[in-house]
Amino acid sequence: MAVGAPVARPLDVRWIHGSPSAKHNTDADIQVHEYDEHTVILRQNKAVNYEAPFLFLLFGAERAVLIDTGATAESEYFPLRATVDDLIAKWLTRNPRDEYRLLVLHTHPHGDHIAGDGQFADRPATTLVGADLPTAWPYFGFDRDAEAVARVDLGGGRVLECLATPGHHEAAVTYYDPWTGFLLTGDTVYPGRLYINDWPAFGRTVKRLVEFSESRPVTYVLGCHIEMTRTPGVDYPIRATYQPDEPPLQLTVDHLHRIRAAVAELGDRPRRHPLDDLILWPNG
């Protein structure tokens, strides 16, 4: 694999978005979108769990990484491992290797991002890194330096850059993939309700993401949910299981600038603040 400047491929995907009646669901358990031959975006079915999180499977020459494991533990309702195993098998058919490993990482430890961990606990050739602060921070080295840029080498020149980005959660991590130019922001930034548990930390995180993005070619900012409608500033009800008028998943670096400006405007008096494509939602 040779890594050069990333080129933004079209991402005009019609994501599964629930059925009028969850009882009569017509969506697949997991939607699989192959962005390119080494990059897969997955979405969980809203009838199985209304959060319908997005997950990311990235292939390097020596190992793949799965970022987040979704909102449902039971494989009979959410066959994540079987899906990942199938995708890895297909990749290895195209790219034969004697040994190939899987690394499982997370954006943060909320239940809708780690519920499927157990499906990988006994998987051979797999490293599962817990998402909690005492586990994830030492893995990335953030316990020694929270401002560090950690690197996860997948082989063949595909090296993820990882940032500690607290605010939504104290253990939140953002990943930058130089192969695609994806900035994977978890629940820190996405087209939905940005639940902010630590307002000052969130402000520092957004500032850092803006500065980080100024020195990297970012094609898309990709979070883990869609909660907005296509009407500016209007979200779907919490726990909605049918969202037929969803906007795209992808945001841009310009959205980071808009969020930073809104945070500065609100200052030390945070409140719910809608922007066109997302809503700042400080807890408390």
Protein backbone atom coordinates (compact mmCIF):
# COMPACT_ATOMS: atom_id res chain seq x y z
CA MET A 1 0.00 0.00 0.00
CA ALA A 2 1.29 3.41 -0.95
CA VAL A 3 -0.09 6.39 0.92
CA GLY A 4 -0.19 9.70 -0.91
CA ALA A 5 -2.45 12.71 -0.62
CA PRO A 6 -6.00 11.43 -0.07
CA VAL A 7 -8.63 12.06 -2.70
CA ALA A 8 -12.21 12.54 -1.55
CA ARG A 9 -14.37 9.85 -3.13
CA PRO A 10 -18.11 10.33 -3.44
CA LEU A 11 -19.99 9.47 -0.27
CA ASP A 12 -23.53 9.90 -1.51
CA VAL A 13 -24.73 6.78 0.28
CA ARG A 14 -28.36 6.09 1.08
CA TRP A 15 -27.83 4.77 4.59
CA ILE A 16 -30.31 2.42 6.19
CA HIS A 17 -32.47 4.70 8.32
CA GLY A 18 -35.17 2.54 9.87
CA SER A 19 -38.65 1.45 8.78
CA PRO A 20 -42.03 3.07 9.49
CA SER A 21 -42.68 0.15 11.84
CA ALA A 22 -39.71 -1.38 13.62
CA LYS A 23 -41.79 -4.55 13.97
CA HIS A 24 -41.83 -4.81 10.17
CA ASN A 25 -38.21 -3.83 9.67
CA THR A 26 -36.87 -4.17 6.13
CA ASP A 27 -33.27 -3.06 6.70
CA ALA A 28 -30.25 -5.34 6.91
CA ASP A 29 -28.85 -5.95 10.40
CA ILE A 30 -25.68 -4.15 9.29
CA GLN A 31 -25.20 -2.00 6.21
CA VAL A 32 -21.79 -2.44 4.60
CA HIS A 33 -20.39 0.33 2.41
CA GLU A 34 -16.98 -0.21 0.84
CA TYR A 35 -15.63 3.30 0.50
CA ASP A 36 -12.56 1.94 -1.25
CA GLU A 37 -10.83 -1.43 -1.45
CA HIS A 38 -9.19 -0.91 1.97
CA THR A 39 -11.90 1.05 3.83
CA VAL A 40 -15.37 -0.01 4.98
CA ILE A 41 -18.09 1.97 6.75
CA LEU A 42 -20.75 0.00 8.67
CA ARG A 43 -24.08 1.12 10.08
CA GLN A 44 -26.22 -0.73 12.57
CA ASN A 45 -29.95 -1.23 11.98
CA LYS A 46 -32.19 1.27 13.81
CA ALA A 47 -34.78 -1.42 14.51
CA VAL A 48 -32.16 -3.32 16.50
CA ASN A 49 -30.99 -0.20 18.33
CA TYR A 50 -32.24 3.33 17.73
CA GLU A 51 -28.72 4.75 18.11
CA ALA A 52 -27.79 3.11 14.76
CA PRO A 53 -24.09 3.88 15.21
CA PHE A 54 -21.55 3.91 12.41
CA LEU A 55 -18.38 1.80 12.70
CA PHE A 56 -15.22 1.87 10.62
CA LEU A 57 -13.06 -1.01 9.39
CA LEU A 58 -9.70 0.05 7.95
CA PHE A 59 -7.24 -2.34 6.32
CA GLY A 60 -3.46 -1.98 6.40
CA ALA A 61 -0.83 -4.31 4.98
CA GLU A 62 -0.24 -6.02 8.36
CA ARG A 63 -3.49 -5.64 10.26
CA ALA A 64 -6.95 -4.15 10.16
CA VAL A 65 -8.54 -1.92 12.76
CA LEU A 66 -12.21 -1.88 13.73
CA ILE A 67 -13.20 1.38 15.38
CA ASP A 68 -16.17 0.83 17.75
CA THR A 69 -18.33 -2.28 18.10
CA GLY A 70 -21.86 -0.91 18.10
CA ALA A 71 -24.84 -0.84 20.40
CA THR A 72 -25.90 -4.50 20.69
CA ALA A 73 -24.05 -7.38 22.32
CA GLU A 74 -26.00 -10.36 20.94
CA SER A 75 -24.63 -11.70 17.69
CA GLU A 76 -28.02 -13.10 16.67
CA TYR A 77 -29.37 -9.54 16.45
CA PHE A 78 -26.14 -7.81 15.50
CA PRO A 79 -23.73 -10.19 13.70
CA LEU A 80 -20.76 -7.86 13.83
CA ARG A 81 -18.00 -10.42 14.17
CA ALA A 82 -19.40 -12.55 11.36
CA THR A 83 -19.62 -9.47 9.16
CA VAL A 84 -16.07 -8.35 9.99
CA ASP A 85 -14.71 -11.87 9.53
CA ASP A 86 -16.35 -12.05 6.11
CA LEU A 87 -14.94 -8.68 5.09
CA ILE A 88 -11.45 -9.65 6.25
CA ALA A 89 -11.68 -12.97 4.39
CA LYS A 90 -12.66 -11.16 1.19
CA TRP A 91 -9.82 -8.64 1.65
CA LEU A 92 -7.32 -11.46 2.17
CA THR A 93 -8.53 -13.15 -1.00
CA ARG A 94 -7.54 -10.01 -2.88
CA ASN A 95 -4.44 -9.40 -0.74
CA PRO A 96 -3.07 -12.78 0.42
CA ARG A 97 -1.12 -12.85 3.69
CA ASP A 98 0.20 -15.69 5.85
CA GLU A 99 -0.67 -13.80 9.02
CA TYR A 100 -3.15 -10.99 9.49
CA ARG A 101 -4.33 -9.45 12.72
CA LEU A 102 -7.30 -7.39 13.84
CA LEU A 103 -7.11 -4.49 16.29
CA VAL A 104 -10.32 -3.29 17.96
CA LEU A 105 -10.31 0.31 19.19
CA HIS A 106 -13.03 2.77 20.21
CA THR A 107 -13.98 6.41 20.06
CA HIS A 108 -15.21 6.35 23.70
CA PRO A 109 -16.75 3.90 26.19
CA HIS A 110 -20.47 4.67 26.02
CA GLY A 111 -22.54 1.53 25.63
CA ASP A 112 -23.59 2.15 22.03
CA HIS A 113 -19.94 2.04 20.99
CA ILE A 114 -18.65 -0.96 22.96
CA ALA A 115 -21.58 -3.37 23.25
CA GLY A 116 -20.19 -5.74 20.63
CA ASP A 117 -16.78 -6.11 22.27
CA GLY A 118 -17.64 -9.55 23.61
CA GLN A 119 -17.99 -10.90 20.08
CA PHE A 120 -14.24 -10.37 19.61
CA ALA A 121 -13.01 -11.46 23.05
CA ASP A 122 -12.04 -14.95 21.87
CA ARG A 123 -11.24 -14.15 18.25
CA PRO A 124 -7.77 -15.42 17.24
CA ALA A 125 -5.12 -12.93 16.10
CA THR A 126 -7.08 -10.10 17.69
CA THR A 127 -6.14 -7.32 20.10
CA LEU A 128 -9.13 -5.75 21.85
CA VAL A 129 -8.30 -2.50 23.65
CA GLY A 130 -10.87 -1.40 26.21
CA ALA A 131 -12.40 2.03 25.73
CA ASP A 132 -12.33 3.11 29.38
CA LEU A 133 -9.88 5.77 30.52
CA PRO A 134 -7.59 3.48 32.59
CA THR A 135 -7.20 1.12 29.62
CA ALA A 136 -7.29 3.31 26.52
CA TRP A 137 -5.16 6.16 27.82
CA PRO A 138 -2.08 4.04 28.59
CA TYR A 139 -2.44 2.25 25.24
CA PHE A 140 -2.19 5.56 23.39
CA GLY A 141 0.23 7.14 25.85
CA PHE A 142 -2.25 9.86 26.77
CA ASP A 143 -1.80 9.06 30.47
CA ARG A 144 1.72 10.49 30.13
CA ASP A 145 0.91 13.29 27.69
CA ALA A 146 -2.71 14.15 26.90
CA GLU A 147 -1.54 16.47 24.11
CA ALA A 148 0.41 13.75 22.31
CA VAL A 149 -0.45 12.55 18.82
CA ALA A 150 -0.41 8.76 19.11
CA ARG A 151 0.17 6.62 16.04
CA VAL A 152 -1.33 3.25 15.18
CA ASP A 153 0.58 1.55 12.37
CA LEU A 154 -1.54 -0.79 10.23
CA GLY A 155 1.34 -1.56 7.90
CA GLY A 156 2.07 -0.58 4.33
CA GLY A 157 2.29 3.09 5.24
CA ARG A 158 -1.21 3.39 6.67
CA VAL A 159 -0.60 4.97 10.07
CA LEU A 160 -3.52 6.44 11.99
CA GLU A 161 -2.98 9.55 14.09
CA CYS A 162 -4.93 9.54 17.35
CA LEU A 163 -5.87 12.47 19.58
CA ALA A 164 -7.32 12.66 23.07
CA THR A 165 -10.48 14.70 22.56
CA PRO A 166 -12.46 14.90 25.82
CA GLY A 167 -15.65 16.88 26.22
CA HIS A 168 -18.37 14.44 25.25
CA HIS A 169 -16.57 11.84 27.39
CA GLU A 170 -13.34 12.08 29.32
CA ALA A 171 -11.85 9.15 27.36
CA ALA A 172 -12.94 10.27 23.87
CA VAL A 173 -10.47 9.68 21.04
CA THR A 174 -10.43 11.08 17.50
CA TYR A 175 -8.64 9.26 14.68
CA TYR A 176 -7.15 10.71 11.51
CA ASP A 177 -6.59 8.33 8.62
CA PRO A 178 -4.11 9.68 6.04
CA TRP A 179 -5.15 7.05 3.48
CA THR A 180 -8.69 8.42 3.11
CA GLY A 181 -8.33 11.79 4.80
CA PHE A 182 -11.09 10.81 7.23
CA LEU A 183 -11.23 12.57 10.59
CA LEU A 184 -13.18 10.10 12.72
CA THR A 185 -14.68 12.13 15.55
CA GLY A 186 -16.98 9.65 17.30
CA ASP A 187 -19.65 11.52 19.28
CA THR A 188 -17.58 14.69 19.51
CA VAL A 189 -18.74 16.03 16.14
CA TYR A 190 -21.50 14.55 13.97
CA PRO A 191 -24.81 15.65 12.40
CA GLY A 192 -26.83 15.43 15.57
CA ARG A 193 -27.04 16.41 19.21
CA LEU A 194 -23.52 16.95 20.51
CA TYR A 195 -23.95 15.97 24.16
CA ILE A 196 -21.23 17.85 26.01
CA ASN A 197 -20.38 16.68 29.52
CA ASP A 198 -17.38 18.96 30.06
CA TRP A 199 -17.84 22.33 28.39
CA PRO A 200 -14.30 23.72 28.91
CA ALA A 201 -12.75 20.45 27.71
CA PHE A 202 -15.02 20.45 24.66
CA GLY A 203 -13.90 23.95 23.78
CA ARG A 204 -10.25 22.93 23.99
CA THR A 205 -10.96 19.83 21.91
CA VAL A 206 -12.66 21.74 19.11
CA LYS A 207 -9.81 24.26 19.04
CA ARG A 208 -7.34 21.39 18.81
CA LEU A 209 -9.25 19.69 16.01
CA VAL A 210 -9.34 22.92 14.02
CA GLU A 211 -5.60 23.40 14.44
CA PHE A 212 -4.86 19.75 13.69
CA SER A 213 -6.94 19.88 10.51
CA GLU A 214 -5.09 22.93 9.26
CA SER A 215 -1.96 20.82 8.77
CA ARG A 216 -3.61 17.69 7.30
CA PRO A 217 -5.68 17.09 4.18
CA VAL A 218 -9.08 16.22 5.68
CA THR A 219 -11.61 14.95 3.15
CA TYR A 220 -14.51 14.26 5.51
CA VAL A 221 -15.30 14.70 9.19
CA LEU A 222 -17.16 11.52 10.13
CA GLY A 223 -18.90 10.96 13.43
CA CYS A 224 -20.85 7.93 14.60
CA HIS A 225 -24.52 8.98 14.32
CA ILE A 226 -27.05 10.92 12.27
CA GLU A 227 -29.78 12.60 14.33
CA MET A 228 -30.66 15.64 12.23
CA THR A 229 -33.30 16.13 9.56
CA ARG A 230 -32.56 18.02 6.36
CA THR A 231 -34.32 21.05 7.82
CA PRO A 232 -31.59 23.33 9.22
CA GLY A 233 -31.32 23.11 12.99
CA VAL A 234 -34.06 20.49 13.38
CA ASP A 235 -33.31 17.05 14.81
CA TYR A 236 -35.32 13.85 14.95
CA PRO A 237 -36.91 13.00 18.31
CA ILE A 238 -34.66 11.16 20.73
CA ARG A 239 -35.09 7.37 20.31
CA ALA A 240 -36.54 7.77 16.82
CA THR A 241 -36.33 4.49 14.89
CA TYR A 242 -37.32 5.90 11.49
CA GLN A 243 -35.43 8.79 9.93
CA PRO A 244 -36.39 8.99 6.24
CA ASP A 245 -35.12 12.54 5.73
CA GLU A 246 -31.57 12.17 7.04
CA PRO A 247 -28.78 14.47 5.85
CA PRO A 248 -25.40 12.98 4.88
CA LEU A 249 -23.12 11.53 7.53
CA GLN A 250 -20.12 13.54 6.39
CA LEU A 251 -19.30 16.99 7.70
CA THR A 252 -16.36 19.24 6.83
CA VAL A 253 -13.57 21.13 8.51
CA ASP A 254 -15.71 24.22 8.05
CA HIS A 255 -18.14 22.70 10.55
CA LEU A 256 -15.32 22.57 13.09
CA HIS A 257 -14.75 26.29 12.57
CA ARG A 258 -18.47 26.99 13.03
CA ILE A 259 -18.54 24.98 16.24
CA ARG A 260 -15.50 26.81 17.56
CA ALA A 261 -17.16 30.16 16.79
CA ALA A 262 -20.36 29.06 18.55
CA VAL A 263 -18.43 27.90 21.61
CA ALA A 264 -16.67 31.26 21.76
CA GLU A 265 -19.99 33.09 21.40
CA LEU A 266 -21.56 31.12 24.25
CA GLY A 267 -18.51 31.63 26.46
CA ASP A 268 -18.99 30.45 30.03
CA ARG A 269 -22.80 30.32 29.71
CA PRO A 270 -23.34 27.15 27.68
CA ARG A 271 -26.83 26.33 26.48
CA ARG A 272 -28.48 24.32 23.75
CA HIS A 273 -27.47 26.00 20.54
CA PRO A 274 -28.61 24.77 17.12
CA LEU A 275 -26.50 25.20 14.03
CA ASP A 276 -27.73 24.17 10.60
CA ASP A 277 -26.26 20.65 10.71
CA LEU A 278 -25.93 19.90 14.43
CA ILE A 279 -26.92 21.05 17.90
CA LEU A 280 -24.59 21.91 20.77
CA TRP A 281 -26.22 20.21 23.76
CA PRO A 282 -24.39 20.87 27.04
CA ASN A 283 -25.51 18.53 29.83
CA GLY A 284 -26.96 20.29 32.81
